[in-house]
Amino acid sequence: MILSLKAIQEETEVSEVLERDWWPAAESDQILGIDVPLHVRIKVAKVDDKFLLEGKVTGGVLLRCDRCLDSFHWDLASRFHLSLLSPKPGNEPMEVELLDDDMEVEFVQGEAIDLDRMIMGQIYLSLPMKSLCKEGCLGLCPACGVNLNVKRCECAPQNINPAFEKLKNLKP
């Protein structure tokens, strides 16, 4: 979705339903696709020389579990607020410390914005730090690679981390 900033005089609302084929197939290793259609609602308002975006994305995505690598459904509910600014000509980029308020500012070039790219960014920001299919996920066996949630493996348990194997030979 491309939104023309010239057409916005005061406030505009964009509502869209994004189907399963909207998510690019090879976009990410963590997000496998859309499971439940995404409902997107974005309000764009022009205030002085900037544009304020207030949005909400709800639906479901397929994620890859960080422990067992299986796919699972994750309910997505994200609210976001962004300020869009056009960089002023002649300003040289300089190194400055970003404040919390600066993290909600995005710079735009030209007279249009790509809402698809912005929505994808907000989806990534709303993901959990560690994606787990269930809280007690057992993961994969480090020796044979079997999914321990599905099947019990016959490997001998290793009580020591291989990185510390040499330490057991030390004498006190």
C-alpha atoms as a PDB file:
ATOM      1  CA  MET A   1       0.000   0.000   0.000  1.00  0.00           C
ATOM      2  CA  ILE A   2       1.442   3.322  -1.041  1.00  0.00           C
ATOM      3  CA  LEU A   3      -0.001   6.363   0.730  1.00  0.00           C
ATOM      4  CA  SER A   4       0.428   9.781  -0.866  1.00  0.00           C
ATOM      5  CA  LEU A   5       1.322  12.369   1.757  1.00  0.00           C
ATOM      6  CA  LYS A   6       0.214  15.224  -0.511  1.00  0.00           C
ATOM      7  CA  ALA A   7      -3.381  13.990  -0.351  1.00  0.00           C
ATOM      8  CA  ILE A   8      -3.499  14.234   3.452  1.00  0.00           C
ATOM      9  CA  GLN A   9      -4.791  17.601   4.603  1.00  0.00           C
ATOM     10  CA  GLU A  10      -5.927  16.877   8.159  1.00  0.00           C
ATOM     11  CA  GLU A  11      -6.684  13.246   9.035  1.00  0.00           C
ATOM     12  CA  THR A  12      -7.034  10.119   6.926  1.00  0.00           C
ATOM     13  CA  GLU A  13      -7.882   6.598   8.023  1.00  0.00           C
ATOM     14  CA  VAL A  14      -6.747   3.502   6.185  1.00  0.00           C
ATOM     15  CA  SER A  15      -8.310   0.116   6.922  1.00  0.00           C
ATOM     16  CA  GLU A  16      -7.107  -3.018   5.207  1.00  0.00           C
ATOM     17  CA  VAL A  17      -7.346  -6.786   5.576  1.00  0.00           C
ATOM     18  CA  LEU A  18      -4.101  -8.509   4.605  1.00  0.00           C
ATOM     19  CA  GLU A  19      -4.518 -12.093   3.449  1.00  0.00           C
ATOM     20  CA  ARG A  20      -2.083 -14.989   3.716  1.00  0.00           C
ATOM     21  CA  ASP A  21      -0.394 -14.254   0.385  1.00  0.00           C
ATOM     22  CA  TRP A  22       0.564 -10.700   1.473  1.00  0.00           C
ATOM     23  CA  TRP A  23       3.598 -11.864   3.482  1.00  0.00           C
ATOM     24  CA  PRO A  24       6.622 -12.511   1.214  1.00  0.00           C
ATOM     25  CA  ALA A  25       7.578 -16.190   1.301  1.00  0.00           C
ATOM     26  CA  ALA A  26      11.329 -15.754   1.809  1.00  0.00           C
ATOM     27  CA  GLU A  27      11.153 -12.662   4.028  1.00  0.00           C
ATOM     28  CA  SER A  28      12.199 -14.229   7.314  1.00  0.00           C
ATOM     29  CA  ASP A  29      13.337 -17.401   9.027  1.00  0.00           C
ATOM     30  CA  GLN A  30      11.327 -16.579  12.139  1.00  0.00           C
ATOM     31  CA  ILE A  31       7.989 -15.581  10.593  1.00  0.00           C
ATOM     32  CA  LEU A  32       6.785 -18.319   8.272  1.00  0.00           C
ATOM     33  CA  GLY A  33       3.663 -16.502   7.085  1.00  0.00           C
ATOM     34  CA  ILE A  34       0.246 -15.218   7.998  1.00  0.00           C
ATOM     35  CA  ASP A  35      -1.986 -17.740   9.732  1.00  0.00           C
ATOM     36  CA  VAL A  36      -5.085 -15.599  10.319  1.00  0.00           C
ATOM     37  CA  PRO A  37      -5.715 -12.560   8.068  1.00  0.00           C
ATOM     38  CA  LEU A  38      -4.268  -9.340   9.497  1.00  0.00           C
ATOM     39  CA  HIS A  39      -6.624  -6.465  10.176  1.00  0.00           C
ATOM     40  CA  VAL A  40      -4.817  -3.153   9.865  1.00  0.00           C
ATOM     41  CA  ARG A  41      -6.174   0.253  10.830  1.00  0.00           C
ATOM     42  CA  ILE A  42      -3.949   3.323  10.499  1.00  0.00           C
ATOM     43  CA  LYS A  43      -4.863   6.952  11.147  1.00  0.00           C
ATOM     44  CA  VAL A  44      -2.610   9.539   9.530  1.00  0.00           C
ATOM     45  CA  ALA A  45      -2.826  13.170  10.599  1.00  0.00           C
ATOM     46  CA  LYS A  46      -0.862  16.160   9.374  1.00  0.00           C
ATOM     47  CA  VAL A  47       0.418  18.395  12.161  1.00  0.00           C
ATOM     48  CA  ASP A  48       2.587  21.332  11.079  1.00  0.00           C
ATOM     49  CA  ASP A  49       5.482  19.884   9.059  1.00  0.00           C
ATOM     50  CA  LYS A  50       5.141  16.273  10.206  1.00  0.00           C
ATOM     51  CA  PHE A  51       2.687  13.406   9.897  1.00  0.00           C
ATOM     52  CA  LEU A  52       1.486  11.408  12.894  1.00  0.00           C
ATOM     53  CA  LEU A  53       0.572   7.752  12.426  1.00  0.00           C
ATOM     54  CA  GLU A  54      -1.453   5.797  14.915  1.00  0.00           C
ATOM     55  CA  GLY A  55      -2.056   2.195  14.008  1.00  0.00           C
ATOM     56  CA  LYS A  56      -3.246  -1.199  15.106  1.00  0.00           C
ATOM     57  CA  VAL A  57      -2.501  -4.624  13.596  1.00  0.00           C
ATOM     58  CA  THR A  58      -4.345  -7.756  14.756  1.00  0.00           C
ATOM     59  CA  GLY A  59      -4.411 -11.285  13.417  1.00  0.00           C
ATOM     60  CA  GLY A  60      -2.209 -14.342  13.567  1.00  0.00           C
ATOM     61  CA  VAL A  61       1.189 -15.323  12.240  1.00  0.00           C
ATOM     62  CA  LEU A  62       3.085 -18.602  11.976  1.00  0.00           C
ATOM     63  CA  LEU A  63       6.346 -18.494  13.901  1.00  0.00           C
ATOM     64  CA  ARG A  64       9.221 -20.948  14.161  1.00  0.00           C
ATOM     65  CA  CYS A  65       9.921 -22.205  17.693  1.00  0.00           C
ATOM     66  CA  ASP A  66      13.429 -21.276  18.836  1.00  0.00           C
ATOM     67  CA  ARG A  67      13.876 -24.616  20.660  1.00  0.00           C
ATOM     68  CA  CYS A  68      12.256 -27.345  18.537  1.00  0.00           C
ATOM     69  CA  LEU A  69      12.015 -25.514  15.157  1.00  0.00           C
ATOM     70  CA  ASP A  70       8.341 -26.490  14.692  1.00  0.00           C
ATOM     71  CA  SER A  71       5.874 -23.916  13.409  1.00  0.00           C
ATOM     72  CA  PHE A  72       3.138 -22.600  15.689  1.00  0.00           C
ATOM     73  CA  HIS A  73       0.338 -20.014  15.680  1.00  0.00           C
ATOM     74  CA  TRP A  74       0.935 -16.734  17.528  1.00  0.00           C
ATOM     75  CA  ASP A  75      -1.802 -14.159  18.097  1.00  0.00           C
ATOM     76  CA  LEU A  76      -0.671 -10.756  16.920  1.00  0.00           C
ATOM     77  CA  ALA A  77      -2.017  -7.583  18.529  1.00  0.00           C
ATOM     78  CA  SER A  78       0.167  -4.532  18.015  1.00  0.00           C
ATOM     79  CA  ARG A  79      -0.466  -0.829  18.528  1.00  0.00           C
ATOM     80  CA  PHE A  80       2.026   1.729  17.305  1.00  0.00           C
ATOM     81  CA  HIS A  81       2.584   5.472  17.095  1.00  0.00           C
ATOM     82  CA  LEU A  82       5.022   7.011  14.626  1.00  0.00           C
ATOM     83  CA  SER A  83       5.996  10.496  13.563  1.00  0.00           C
ATOM     84  CA  LEU A  84       7.028  10.949   9.947  1.00  0.00           C
ATOM     85  CA  LEU A  85       9.441  13.762   9.171  1.00  0.00           C
ATOM     86  CA  SER A  86      11.098  14.881   5.979  1.00  0.00           C
ATOM     87  CA  PRO A  87      14.787  15.616   6.522  1.00  0.00           C
ATOM     88  CA  LYS A  88      15.588  19.279   6.108  1.00  0.00           C
ATOM     89  CA  PRO A  89      17.924  20.003   3.203  1.00  0.00           C
ATOM     90  CA  GLY A  90      21.433  21.100   4.101  1.00  0.00           C
ATOM     91  CA  ASN A  91      21.550  19.369   7.467  1.00  0.00           C
ATOM     92  CA  GLU A  92      24.652  17.238   7.754  1.00  0.00           C
ATOM     93  CA  PRO A  93      24.235  13.953   9.597  1.00  0.00           C
ATOM     94  CA  MET A  94      25.916  14.090  12.965  1.00  0.00           C
ATOM     95  CA  GLU A  95      26.306  11.596  15.724  1.00  0.00           C
ATOM     96  CA  VAL A  96      23.749  12.141  18.487  1.00  0.00           C
ATOM     97  CA  GLU A  97      22.301  10.025  21.263  1.00  0.00           C
ATOM     98  CA  LEU A  98      18.745   8.895  20.588  1.00  0.00           C
ATOM     99  CA  LEU A  99      16.114   9.404  23.262  1.00  0.00           C
ATOM    100  CA  ASP A 100      13.052   7.196  23.779  1.00  0.00           C
ATOM    101  CA  ASP A 101      10.885   9.711  21.894  1.00  0.00           C
ATOM    102  CA  ASP A 102      13.258   9.555  18.916  1.00  0.00           C
ATOM    103  CA  MET A 103      12.552   5.858  18.459  1.00  0.00           C
ATOM    104  CA  GLU A 104       9.047   6.709  17.267  1.00  0.00           C
ATOM    105  CA  VAL A 105      10.292   9.004  14.490  1.00  0.00           C
ATOM    106  CA  GLU A 106      10.815   7.818  10.938  1.00  0.00           C
ATOM    107  CA  PHE A 107      12.219   9.916   8.127  1.00  0.00           C
ATOM    108  CA  VAL A 108      10.564   9.829   4.729  1.00  0.00           C
ATOM    109  CA  GLN A 109      11.924  10.747   1.332  1.00  0.00           C
ATOM    110  CA  GLY A 110       9.538  12.050  -1.261  1.00  0.00           C
ATOM    111  CA  GLU A 111       5.781  12.481  -1.199  1.00  0.00           C
ATOM    112  CA  ALA A 112       4.625   8.920  -0.480  1.00  0.00           C
ATOM    113  CA  ILE A 113       5.159   6.228   2.126  1.00  0.00           C
ATOM    114  CA  ASP A 114       5.090   2.460   1.779  1.00  0.00           C
ATOM    115  CA  LEU A 115       2.660   1.271   4.454  1.00  0.00           C
ATOM    116  CA  ASP A 116       3.448  -2.399   3.733  1.00  0.00           C
ATOM    117  CA  ARG A 117       7.078  -1.922   4.774  1.00  0.00           C
ATOM    118  CA  MET A 118       5.989   0.004   7.857  1.00  0.00           C
ATOM    119  CA  ILE A 119       3.465  -2.702   8.857  1.00  0.00           C
ATOM    120  CA  MET A 120       6.115  -5.423   8.434  1.00  0.00           C
ATOM    121  CA  GLY A 121       8.443  -3.458  10.688  1.00  0.00           C
ATOM    122  CA  GLN A 122       5.777  -3.163  13.374  1.00  0.00           C
ATOM    123  CA  ILE A 123       5.066  -6.909  13.162  1.00  0.00           C
ATOM    124  CA  TYR A 124       8.756  -7.663  13.739  1.00  0.00           C
ATOM    125  CA  LEU A 125       8.855  -5.246  16.683  1.00  0.00           C
ATOM    126  CA  SER A 126       5.861  -6.929  18.322  1.00  0.00           C
ATOM    127  CA  LEU A 127       7.374 -10.440  18.238  1.00  0.00           C
ATOM    128  CA  PRO A 128       8.482 -12.007  21.516  1.00  0.00           C
ATOM    129  CA  MET A 129      12.206 -12.048  22.259  1.00  0.00           C
ATOM    130  CA  LYS A 130      12.145 -15.856  22.382  1.00  0.00           C
ATOM    131  CA  SER A 131       9.531 -17.606  20.262  1.00  0.00           C
ATOM    132  CA  LEU A 132       8.396 -20.807  21.966  1.00  0.00           C
ATOM    133  CA  CYS A 133       5.617 -23.125  20.769  1.00  0.00           C
ATOM    134  CA  LYS A 134       4.750 -23.775  24.434  1.00  0.00           C
ATOM    135  CA  GLU A 135       6.287 -22.745  27.711  1.00  0.00           C
ATOM    136  CA  GLY A 136       7.610 -26.217  28.506  1.00  0.00           C
ATOM    137  CA  CYS A 137       9.078 -26.900  25.053  1.00  0.00           C
ATOM    138  CA  LEU A 138      11.844 -29.490  25.378  1.00  0.00           C
ATOM    139  CA  GLY A 139      13.581 -28.633  22.122  1.00  0.00           C
ATOM    140  CA  LEU A 140      15.820 -30.928  20.097  1.00  0.00           C
ATOM    141  CA  CYS A 141      18.232 -33.569  21.355  1.00  0.00           C
ATOM    142  CA  PRO A 142      21.750 -32.127  20.939  1.00  0.00           C
ATOM    143  CA  ALA A 143      23.119 -35.556  19.943  1.00  0.00           C
ATOM    144  CA  CYS A 144      20.603 -37.047  17.487  1.00  0.00           C
ATOM    145  CA  GLY A 145      18.347 -34.044  16.721  1.00  0.00           C
ATOM    146  CA  VAL A 146      15.001 -35.700  17.523  1.00  0.00           C
ATOM    147  CA  ASN A 147      12.186 -33.398  18.671  1.00  0.00           C
ATOM    148  CA  LEU A 148      11.889 -34.201  22.374  1.00  0.00           C
ATOM    149  CA  ASN A 149       8.282 -32.931  22.457  1.00  0.00           C
ATOM    150  CA  VAL A 150       7.255 -35.732  20.089  1.00  0.00           C
ATOM    151  CA  LYS A 151       9.584 -38.630  20.791  1.00  0.00           C
ATOM    152  CA  ARG A 152      12.002 -39.707  23.483  1.00  0.00           C
ATOM    153  CA  CYS A 153      15.477 -40.406  22.153  1.00  0.00           C
ATOM    154  CA  GLU A 154      17.809 -43.254  23.119  1.00  0.00           C
ATOM    155  CA  CYS A 155      20.923 -41.086  23.506  1.00  0.00           C
ATOM    156  CA  ALA A 156      22.939 -41.311  26.720  1.00  0.00           C
ATOM    157  CA  PRO A 157      22.414 -38.196  28.841  1.00  0.00           C
ATOM    158  CA  GLN A 158      25.353 -35.827  28.945  1.00  0.00           C
ATOM    159  CA  ASN A 159      25.700 -34.242  32.343  1.00  0.00           C
ATOM    160  CA  ILE A 160      28.586 -31.967  31.466  1.00  0.00           C
ATOM    161  CA  ASN A 161      28.828 -29.215  28.931  1.00  0.00           C
ATOM    162  CA  PRO A 162      31.474 -30.203  26.320  1.00  0.00           C
ATOM    163  CA  ALA A 163      33.127 -26.816  26.728  1.00  0.00           C
ATOM    164  CA  PHE A 164      33.988 -27.740  30.323  1.00  0.00           C
ATOM    165  CA  GLU A 165      35.039 -31.367  29.595  1.00  0.00           C
ATOM    166  CA  LYS A 166      38.751 -30.679  30.213  1.00  0.00           C
ATOM    167  CA  LEU A 167      38.039 -29.191  33.656  1.00  0.00           C
ATOM    168  CA  LYS A 168      37.006 -32.543  35.147  1.00  0.00           C
ATOM    169  CA  ASN A 169      40.603 -33.774  34.680  1.00  0.00           C
ATOM    170  CA  LEU A 170      42.053 -30.993  36.826  1.00  0.00           C
ATOM    171  CA  LYS A 171      43.176 -31.948  40.300  1.00  0.00           C
ATOM    172  CA  PRO A 172      42.363 -29.599  43.207  1.00  0.00           C
END
